[in-house]
Amino acid sequence: MLHRRTILILVVSLLSCDRGVVPKPAGYVRIDTPEKSYHLYSSQPFYSFEVPDYAVVERDSSRGAEAGWVNVVIPQLNGKIHLSYKPVRDNLGDYIADSRTLAYKHMVKAEAIEETPFVQREQNRFGMVYDLKGNVASAVQFFITDSTHHFLRGSLYFNCPPNRDSLNPLIDFVREDIIHMIETTQWKY
């Protein structure tokens, strides 16, 4: 009798326990990044640079697009680097100020903005890379110039909600490509 009572108490206590369902945490799709390799893009009359082999360079067809504006589209990552070109005519300070303003417009959502200057005097390349932290639409922005004739501004976008936690690996991956593009930029005179 004692054995049945013990079993009954055990069964009742197990059935009366709150066994709330524990949901699985939200997961993110795993994205395999391609191997890094580059080729020269020189179709513009103002500049050339190396782009990733997995990217496609398209003329910017948006309203208001100007000569030299292109998009470096990365279909596998659903991303795009928008590049806008401006000729320098005693207005370099305005272009630099505009680039900074466009980067800092994201301060509403950004947790921080890190500025990294870029100087390669021998190659006539000067610029700034803006790394925007937090859930912002464009996590990396930059400009590069020769300081006398050419000015090229870029911004990275992904076609998805700006969830920094899930996009961080992709942002870091494409940022390397952006730095490579900057370091291989050649101006055409």
Protein backbone atom coordinates (compact mmCIF):
# COMPACT_ATOMS: atom_id res chain seq x y z
CA MET A 1 0.00 0.00 0.00
CA LEU A 2 2.85 2.34 0.82
CA HIS A 3 4.33 1.73 -2.60
CA ARG A 4 1.07 2.68 -4.38
CA ARG A 5 0.72 5.80 -2.25
CA THR A 6 4.27 6.88 -3.13
CA ILE A 7 3.60 6.36 -6.83
CA LEU A 8 0.29 8.26 -6.58
CA ILE A 9 1.94 11.20 -4.78
CA LEU A 10 4.73 11.23 -7.36
CA VAL A 11 2.27 11.20 -10.29
CA VAL A 12 0.09 13.94 -8.76
CA SER A 13 3.10 16.13 -7.98
CA LEU A 14 4.42 15.72 -11.53
CA LEU A 15 1.05 16.56 -13.06
CA SER A 16 0.57 19.58 -10.83
CA CYS A 17 3.94 21.15 -11.72
CA ASP A 18 3.83 24.19 -13.99
CA ARG A 19 5.70 23.03 -17.04
CA GLY A 20 5.42 26.28 -19.02
CA VAL A 21 6.51 26.08 -22.62
CA VAL A 22 9.88 27.67 -23.17
CA PRO A 23 9.98 29.26 -26.64
CA LYS A 24 13.02 28.94 -28.80
CA PRO A 25 14.96 32.20 -29.19
CA ALA A 26 14.62 33.97 -32.51
CA GLY A 27 17.17 32.74 -34.99
CA TYR A 28 18.70 34.37 -38.02
CA VAL A 29 19.33 32.92 -41.42
CA ARG A 30 22.90 31.84 -41.90
CA ILE A 31 24.51 33.57 -44.84
CA ASP A 32 27.65 32.12 -46.32
CA THR A 33 29.90 34.89 -47.57
CA PRO A 34 31.77 34.38 -50.84
CA GLU A 35 35.54 34.12 -51.18
CA LYS A 36 37.28 37.49 -51.55
CA SER A 37 38.53 38.22 -55.05
CA TYR A 38 38.45 41.41 -57.09
CA HIS A 39 38.51 42.78 -60.61
CA LEU A 40 39.10 46.24 -62.04
CA TYR A 41 36.09 48.45 -62.75
CA SER A 42 37.11 51.23 -65.12
CA SER A 43 33.95 52.08 -67.08
CA GLN A 44 33.68 55.58 -65.61
CA PRO A 45 35.51 58.53 -67.18
CA PHE A 46 36.44 59.94 -63.74
CA TYR A 47 37.76 57.04 -61.67
CA SER A 48 38.49 53.33 -61.52
CA PHE A 49 38.80 50.87 -58.64
CA GLU A 50 38.68 47.18 -57.88
CA VAL A 51 35.30 45.66 -57.00
CA PRO A 52 34.49 42.23 -55.60
CA ASP A 53 33.94 39.51 -58.21
CA TYR A 54 30.58 38.74 -56.61
CA ALA A 55 29.36 42.33 -57.15
CA VAL A 56 27.75 43.96 -60.18
CA VAL A 57 28.31 47.63 -60.95
CA GLU A 58 25.22 49.36 -62.34
CA ARG A 59 24.68 52.94 -63.41
CA ASP A 60 22.52 54.79 -60.91
CA SER A 61 19.19 55.27 -62.67
CA SER A 62 17.44 57.02 -59.81
CA ARG A 63 15.91 60.43 -60.30
CA GLY A 64 18.56 63.13 -60.04
CA ALA A 65 21.47 60.76 -60.69
CA GLU A 66 24.48 62.46 -62.25
CA ALA A 67 27.39 61.35 -64.40
CA GLY A 68 29.69 59.05 -62.47
CA TRP A 69 26.99 57.80 -60.07
CA VAL A 70 26.90 54.00 -59.78
CA ASN A 71 25.69 51.28 -57.46
CA VAL A 72 27.90 48.35 -56.54
CA VAL A 73 25.23 45.69 -56.08
CA ILE A 74 25.98 42.55 -54.08
CA PRO A 75 23.02 40.26 -54.93
CA GLN A 76 24.14 37.32 -52.75
CA LEU A 77 24.07 39.57 -49.64
CA ASN A 78 21.10 41.72 -50.73
CA GLY A 79 23.30 44.78 -50.36
CA LYS A 80 24.36 47.84 -52.31
CA ILE A 81 27.10 50.44 -52.11
CA HIS A 82 25.76 53.65 -53.59
CA LEU A 83 28.50 55.86 -55.08
CA SER A 84 28.00 59.47 -56.12
CA TYR A 85 30.68 61.43 -57.95
CA LYS A 86 31.17 65.20 -58.04
CA PRO A 87 33.83 67.22 -59.83
CA VAL A 88 35.73 69.56 -57.49
CA ARG A 89 35.65 73.23 -58.51
CA ASP A 90 36.77 75.23 -55.48
CA ASN A 91 33.99 73.54 -53.48
CA LEU A 92 35.77 70.64 -51.75
CA GLY A 93 34.89 72.02 -48.30
CA ASP A 94 31.19 71.98 -49.22
CA TYR A 95 31.36 68.36 -50.37
CA ILE A 96 33.17 67.27 -47.21
CA ALA A 97 30.65 69.13 -45.03
CA ASP A 98 27.74 67.56 -46.97
CA SER A 99 29.22 64.08 -46.50
CA ARG A 100 29.58 64.62 -42.78
CA THR A 101 26.03 66.00 -42.56
CA LEU A 102 24.63 63.00 -44.44
CA ALA A 103 26.45 60.60 -42.10
CA TYR A 104 25.35 62.45 -38.98
CA LYS A 105 21.70 62.55 -40.08
CA HIS A 106 21.68 58.96 -38.81
CA MET A 107 22.44 60.10 -35.23
CA VAL A 108 18.72 59.81 -34.49
CA LYS A 109 19.14 56.02 -34.60
CA ALA A 110 22.91 55.63 -34.27
CA GLU A 111 24.49 54.75 -30.95
CA ALA A 112 27.81 56.20 -32.10
CA ILE A 113 29.68 57.29 -35.21
CA GLU A 114 33.36 56.50 -35.57
CA GLU A 115 35.37 58.57 -38.05
CA THR A 116 38.50 57.05 -39.59
CA PRO A 117 40.58 59.38 -41.76
CA PHE A 118 42.14 57.95 -44.89
CA VAL A 119 45.36 59.45 -46.32
CA GLN A 120 47.52 58.08 -49.15
CA ARG A 121 49.48 61.10 -50.39
CA GLU A 122 51.53 59.22 -52.98
CA GLN A 123 48.36 57.93 -54.66
CA ASN A 124 46.50 61.23 -54.28
CA ARG A 125 43.76 59.66 -52.13
CA PHE A 126 42.31 61.36 -49.09
CA GLY A 127 39.05 60.67 -47.31
CA MET A 128 37.04 59.60 -44.32
CA VAL A 129 35.21 56.41 -43.38
CA TYR A 130 32.19 56.78 -41.09
CA ASP A 131 31.21 53.64 -39.14
CA LEU A 132 27.69 54.11 -37.80
CA LYS A 133 26.88 51.90 -34.81
CA GLY A 134 23.35 50.76 -33.97
CA ASN A 135 20.26 50.01 -36.03
CA VAL A 136 20.86 52.52 -38.81
CA ALA A 137 19.90 52.35 -42.48
CA SER A 138 23.50 52.84 -43.67
CA ALA A 139 26.17 51.37 -41.41
CA VAL A 140 29.21 52.48 -43.42
CA GLN A 141 29.62 55.75 -45.29
CA PHE A 142 32.74 57.29 -46.77
CA PHE A 143 34.21 59.79 -49.14
CA ILE A 144 37.44 59.87 -51.10
CA THR A 145 38.99 62.75 -53.04
CA ASP A 146 42.17 63.88 -54.74
CA SER A 147 41.43 67.30 -53.19
CA THR A 148 41.64 69.19 -56.50
CA HIS A 149 39.49 67.54 -59.19
CA HIS A 150 37.52 64.51 -57.95
CA PHE A 151 35.17 63.69 -55.08
CA LEU A 152 33.50 60.29 -54.60
CA ARG A 153 31.04 59.58 -51.79
CA GLY A 154 29.70 56.15 -50.85
CA SER A 155 27.18 54.55 -48.52
CA LEU A 156 26.37 50.92 -47.77
CA TYR A 157 22.77 49.69 -47.62
CA PHE A 158 21.16 46.30 -47.13
CA ASN A 159 17.64 45.66 -48.39
CA CYS A 160 16.24 44.54 -45.05
CA PRO A 161 15.30 46.01 -41.66
CA PRO A 162 18.40 47.49 -39.98
CA ASN A 163 18.94 44.92 -37.21
CA ARG A 164 22.59 45.45 -36.30
CA ASP A 165 22.90 42.18 -34.39
CA SER A 166 22.06 40.09 -37.43
CA LEU A 167 23.79 42.36 -39.99
CA ASN A 168 27.11 42.80 -38.16
CA PRO A 169 28.91 39.94 -39.94
CA LEU A 170 27.75 41.23 -43.34
CA ILE A 171 28.65 44.83 -42.51
CA ASP A 172 32.16 43.78 -41.46
CA PHE A 173 32.51 41.63 -44.59
CA VAL A 174 31.46 44.39 -47.02
CA ARG A 175 33.43 47.04 -45.10
CA GLU A 176 36.60 45.17 -46.09
CA ASP A 177 35.49 45.46 -49.72
CA ILE A 178 34.85 49.19 -49.28
CA ILE A 179 38.35 49.70 -47.88
CA HIS A 180 39.75 47.71 -50.81
CA MET A 181 37.81 49.90 -53.25
CA ILE A 182 39.15 53.04 -51.59
CA GLU A 183 42.74 51.75 -51.57
CA THR A 184 42.59 50.85 -55.28
CA THR A 185 40.87 54.01 -56.54
CA GLN A 186 42.69 55.67 -59.40
CA TRP A 187 41.64 59.10 -60.66
CA LYS A 188 41.32 59.82 -64.38
CA TYR A 189 42.37 63.27 -65.55
